[in-house]
N, C-alpha and C. Protein backbone atom coordinates (compact mmCIF):
# COMPACT_ATOMS: atom_id res chain seq x y z
N MET A 1 -1.24 10.75 9.61
CA MET A 1 -1.36 10.05 8.33
C MET A 1 -0.06 9.40 8.02
N ILE A 2 -0.17 8.17 7.45
CA ILE A 2 1.06 7.49 6.97
C ILE A 2 1.18 7.83 5.57
N ARG A 3 2.25 8.45 5.19
CA ARG A 3 2.45 8.90 3.77
C ARG A 3 3.33 7.89 2.95
N PHE A 4 4.25 7.15 3.58
CA PHE A 4 4.96 6.11 2.90
C PHE A 4 5.46 5.14 3.87
N LEU A 5 5.71 3.93 3.38
CA LEU A 5 6.29 2.83 4.22
C LEU A 5 7.50 2.28 3.36
N GLU A 6 8.53 1.95 4.09
CA GLU A 6 9.75 1.32 3.39
C GLU A 6 10.09 0.16 4.29
N GLY A 7 10.14 -1.05 3.75
CA GLY A 7 10.45 -2.26 4.49
C GLY A 7 10.47 -3.51 3.63
N LYS A 8 10.52 -4.64 4.31
CA LYS A 8 10.66 -5.93 3.63
C LYS A 8 9.31 -6.54 3.33
N VAL A 9 9.11 -7.09 2.15
CA VAL A 9 7.91 -7.75 1.81
C VAL A 9 7.98 -9.18 2.41
N THR A 10 7.04 -9.44 3.28
CA THR A 10 7.00 -10.75 3.95
C THR A 10 5.95 -11.73 3.46
N ASP A 11 4.99 -11.17 2.74
CA ASP A 11 3.89 -12.03 2.21
C ASP A 11 3.12 -11.17 1.12
N ARG A 12 2.44 -11.85 0.24
CA ARG A 12 1.65 -11.16 -0.78
C ARG A 12 0.65 -12.08 -1.37
N ASP A 13 -0.42 -11.55 -1.83
CA ASP A 13 -1.42 -12.29 -2.61
C ASP A 13 -1.88 -11.37 -3.77
N GLY A 14 -2.97 -11.67 -4.41
CA GLY A 14 -3.38 -10.86 -5.52
C GLY A 14 -3.83 -9.47 -5.20
N LYS A 15 -4.15 -9.19 -4.00
CA LYS A 15 -4.80 -7.93 -3.66
C LYS A 15 -3.98 -7.08 -2.62
N SER A 16 -3.11 -7.66 -1.88
CA SER A 16 -2.38 -6.95 -0.89
C SER A 16 -1.10 -7.60 -0.64
N LEU A 17 -0.19 -6.87 0.14
CA LEU A 17 1.02 -7.43 0.57
C LEU A 17 1.29 -7.08 2.08
N ILE A 18 2.06 -7.83 2.73
CA ILE A 18 2.48 -7.48 4.06
C ILE A 18 3.88 -6.92 3.99
N LEU A 19 4.06 -5.69 4.55
CA LEU A 19 5.30 -5.07 4.57
C LEU A 19 5.78 -4.91 6.02
N GLN A 20 6.92 -5.47 6.34
CA GLN A 20 7.52 -5.43 7.63
C GLN A 20 8.38 -4.22 7.79
N VAL A 21 7.99 -3.36 8.71
CA VAL A 21 8.69 -2.06 8.97
C VAL A 21 8.87 -1.95 10.46
N GLY A 22 10.18 -1.96 10.86
CA GLY A 22 10.46 -1.81 12.28
C GLY A 22 9.79 -2.85 13.17
N GLY A 23 9.71 -4.12 12.71
CA GLY A 23 9.16 -5.18 13.49
C GLY A 23 7.61 -5.26 13.48
N ILE A 24 6.95 -4.42 12.67
CA ILE A 24 5.55 -4.38 12.59
C ILE A 24 5.15 -4.75 11.15
N GLY A 25 4.08 -5.65 10.95
CA GLY A 25 3.70 -6.01 9.68
C GLY A 25 2.41 -5.23 9.25
N TYR A 26 2.56 -4.46 8.20
CA TYR A 26 1.49 -3.64 7.75
C TYR A 26 0.86 -4.33 6.53
N GLU A 27 -0.43 -4.47 6.51
CA GLU A 27 -1.13 -4.98 5.29
C GLU A 27 -1.42 -3.71 4.40
N VAL A 28 -0.98 -3.81 3.15
CA VAL A 28 -1.13 -2.74 2.21
C VAL A 28 -1.86 -3.26 1.04
N TRP A 29 -3.04 -2.64 0.72
CA TRP A 29 -3.80 -3.05 -0.47
C TRP A 29 -3.15 -2.33 -1.64
N ALA A 30 -3.11 -3.09 -2.82
CA ALA A 30 -2.43 -2.53 -3.96
C ALA A 30 -3.04 -3.21 -5.22
N THR A 31 -2.67 -2.61 -6.34
CA THR A 31 -3.15 -3.12 -7.55
C THR A 31 -2.29 -4.42 -7.88
N PRO A 32 -2.80 -5.26 -8.72
CA PRO A 32 -2.02 -6.54 -9.06
C PRO A 32 -0.61 -6.20 -9.55
N ASP A 33 -0.49 -5.02 -10.29
CA ASP A 33 0.84 -4.64 -10.85
C ASP A 33 1.81 -4.39 -9.72
N VAL A 34 1.33 -3.70 -8.66
CA VAL A 34 2.24 -3.28 -7.58
C VAL A 34 2.54 -4.59 -6.77
N VAL A 35 1.56 -5.46 -6.60
CA VAL A 35 1.83 -6.73 -5.89
C VAL A 35 2.84 -7.56 -6.58
N GLU A 36 2.70 -7.60 -7.93
CA GLU A 36 3.64 -8.38 -8.68
C GLU A 36 5.04 -7.84 -8.63
N LYS A 37 5.25 -6.55 -8.55
CA LYS A 37 6.59 -5.99 -8.44
C LYS A 37 7.23 -6.14 -7.02
N ALA A 38 6.36 -6.48 -6.04
CA ALA A 38 6.87 -6.64 -4.72
C ALA A 38 7.48 -8.03 -4.54
N ILE A 39 8.71 -8.13 -4.45
CA ILE A 39 9.40 -9.44 -4.41
C ILE A 39 9.56 -9.85 -2.92
N LEU A 40 9.16 -11.08 -2.58
CA LEU A 40 9.33 -11.57 -1.17
C LEU A 40 10.74 -11.45 -0.66
N SER A 41 10.90 -10.99 0.54
CA SER A 41 12.12 -10.81 1.27
C SER A 41 12.95 -9.61 0.72
N GLN A 42 12.41 -8.87 -0.20
CA GLN A 42 13.11 -7.69 -0.70
C GLN A 42 12.50 -6.40 -0.12
N GLU A 43 13.39 -5.33 -0.10
CA GLU A 43 12.96 -4.04 0.37
C GLU A 43 12.17 -3.34 -0.69
N ILE A 44 11.08 -2.59 -0.28
CA ILE A 44 10.31 -1.81 -1.20
C ILE A 44 9.88 -0.59 -0.50
N LYS A 45 9.62 0.52 -1.25
CA LYS A 45 9.07 1.73 -0.70
C LYS A 45 7.79 1.95 -1.37
N LEU A 46 6.69 2.10 -0.59
CA LEU A 46 5.36 2.35 -1.15
C LEU A 46 4.82 3.66 -0.58
N TRP A 47 4.44 4.56 -1.45
CA TRP A 47 3.63 5.78 -1.05
C TRP A 47 2.28 5.28 -0.69
N THR A 48 1.74 5.75 0.40
CA THR A 48 0.46 5.17 0.90
C THR A 48 -0.63 6.24 1.10
N SER A 49 -1.87 5.77 0.96
CA SER A 49 -3.03 6.50 1.34
C SER A 49 -3.67 5.78 2.51
N HIS A 50 -3.75 6.46 3.61
CA HIS A 50 -4.29 5.86 4.83
C HIS A 50 -5.70 6.29 4.96
N ILE A 51 -6.71 5.35 4.77
CA ILE A 51 -8.09 5.66 4.86
C ILE A 51 -8.59 5.14 6.14
N VAL A 52 -9.21 6.06 6.91
CA VAL A 52 -9.85 5.65 8.22
C VAL A 52 -11.34 5.87 8.08
N ARG A 53 -12.13 4.80 8.42
CA ARG A 53 -13.51 4.81 8.34
C ARG A 53 -13.99 4.37 9.74
N GLU A 54 -15.31 4.41 9.95
CA GLU A 54 -15.90 4.01 11.23
C GLU A 54 -15.54 2.63 11.63
N ASP A 55 -15.50 1.69 10.68
CA ASP A 55 -15.32 0.28 11.04
C ASP A 55 -13.98 -0.30 10.57
N THR A 56 -13.13 0.46 9.88
CA THR A 56 -11.85 -0.06 9.36
C THR A 56 -10.86 1.05 9.12
N GLU A 57 -9.61 0.57 9.07
CA GLU A 57 -8.51 1.45 8.63
C GLU A 57 -7.74 0.62 7.51
N ASP A 58 -7.55 1.29 6.44
CA ASP A 58 -6.82 0.63 5.32
C ASP A 58 -5.71 1.49 4.77
N LEU A 59 -4.69 0.72 4.33
CA LEU A 59 -3.54 1.43 3.64
C LEU A 59 -3.50 0.96 2.18
N TYR A 60 -3.43 1.89 1.29
CA TYR A 60 -3.42 1.58 -0.16
C TYR A 60 -1.97 2.03 -0.60
N GLY A 61 -1.25 1.15 -1.32
CA GLY A 61 0.10 1.41 -1.65
C GLY A 61 0.35 1.59 -3.15
N PHE A 62 1.33 2.53 -3.43
CA PHE A 62 1.66 2.89 -4.78
C PHE A 62 3.15 2.98 -4.87
N ILE A 63 3.71 2.55 -5.98
CA ILE A 63 5.19 2.61 -6.17
C ILE A 63 5.58 4.09 -6.57
N GLU A 64 4.79 4.68 -7.39
CA GLU A 64 5.09 6.04 -7.85
C GLU A 64 4.21 7.08 -7.09
N LYS A 65 4.88 8.12 -6.65
CA LYS A 65 4.18 9.16 -5.97
C LYS A 65 3.09 9.80 -6.82
N SER A 66 3.30 9.90 -8.07
CA SER A 66 2.28 10.43 -8.96
C SER A 66 0.99 9.61 -8.95
N ASP A 67 1.10 8.34 -8.76
CA ASP A 67 -0.07 7.47 -8.72
C ASP A 67 -0.85 7.75 -7.38
N LEU A 68 -0.09 8.05 -6.33
CA LEU A 68 -0.75 8.45 -5.07
C LEU A 68 -1.44 9.77 -5.24
N THR A 69 -0.92 10.67 -5.94
CA THR A 69 -1.62 11.98 -6.21
C THR A 69 -2.85 11.78 -6.98
N PHE A 70 -2.93 10.89 -7.87
CA PHE A 70 -4.04 10.60 -8.79
C PHE A 70 -5.12 9.86 -7.98
N TRP A 71 -4.85 9.12 -6.97
CA TRP A 71 -5.72 8.22 -6.26
C TRP A 71 -6.99 8.90 -5.68
N PRO A 72 -6.87 10.15 -5.06
CA PRO A 72 -8.13 10.75 -4.58
C PRO A 72 -9.10 11.05 -5.66
N LEU A 73 -8.56 11.37 -6.81
CA LEU A 73 -9.49 11.69 -7.99
C LEU A 73 -10.31 10.39 -8.30
N LEU A 74 -9.69 9.31 -8.29
CA LEU A 74 -10.40 8.00 -8.65
C LEU A 74 -11.34 7.61 -7.56
N SER A 75 -10.92 7.68 -6.29
CA SER A 75 -11.79 7.24 -5.21
C SER A 75 -12.95 8.15 -4.96
N SER A 76 -12.87 9.48 -5.21
CA SER A 76 -13.93 10.35 -5.08
C SER A 76 -14.93 10.23 -6.19
N SER A 77 -14.46 9.92 -7.38
CA SER A 77 -15.37 9.75 -8.53
C SER A 77 -16.15 8.50 -8.47
N ALA A 78 -15.68 7.51 -7.67
CA ALA A 78 -16.37 6.22 -7.53
C ALA A 78 -17.60 6.33 -6.60
N LYS A 79 -17.77 7.43 -5.90
CA LYS A 79 -18.90 7.57 -4.95
C LYS A 79 -20.17 7.91 -5.63
């Protein structure tokens, strides 16, 4: 499981950002607030939730660890 990533923001849109870590670009899905705080070419640390499903793997990123802790409560209640 990937618990956090720390690297340079190389791209972003309204729903995700690309974080370059050790020469690898990770797509991290995030809220608009997190994407807005991610400044291009700047370093950022994101706490992550790594979701593996039959047909996809997704990373969801959070600036605060407390938001990551709250995430499973939201995602399980949405089912």
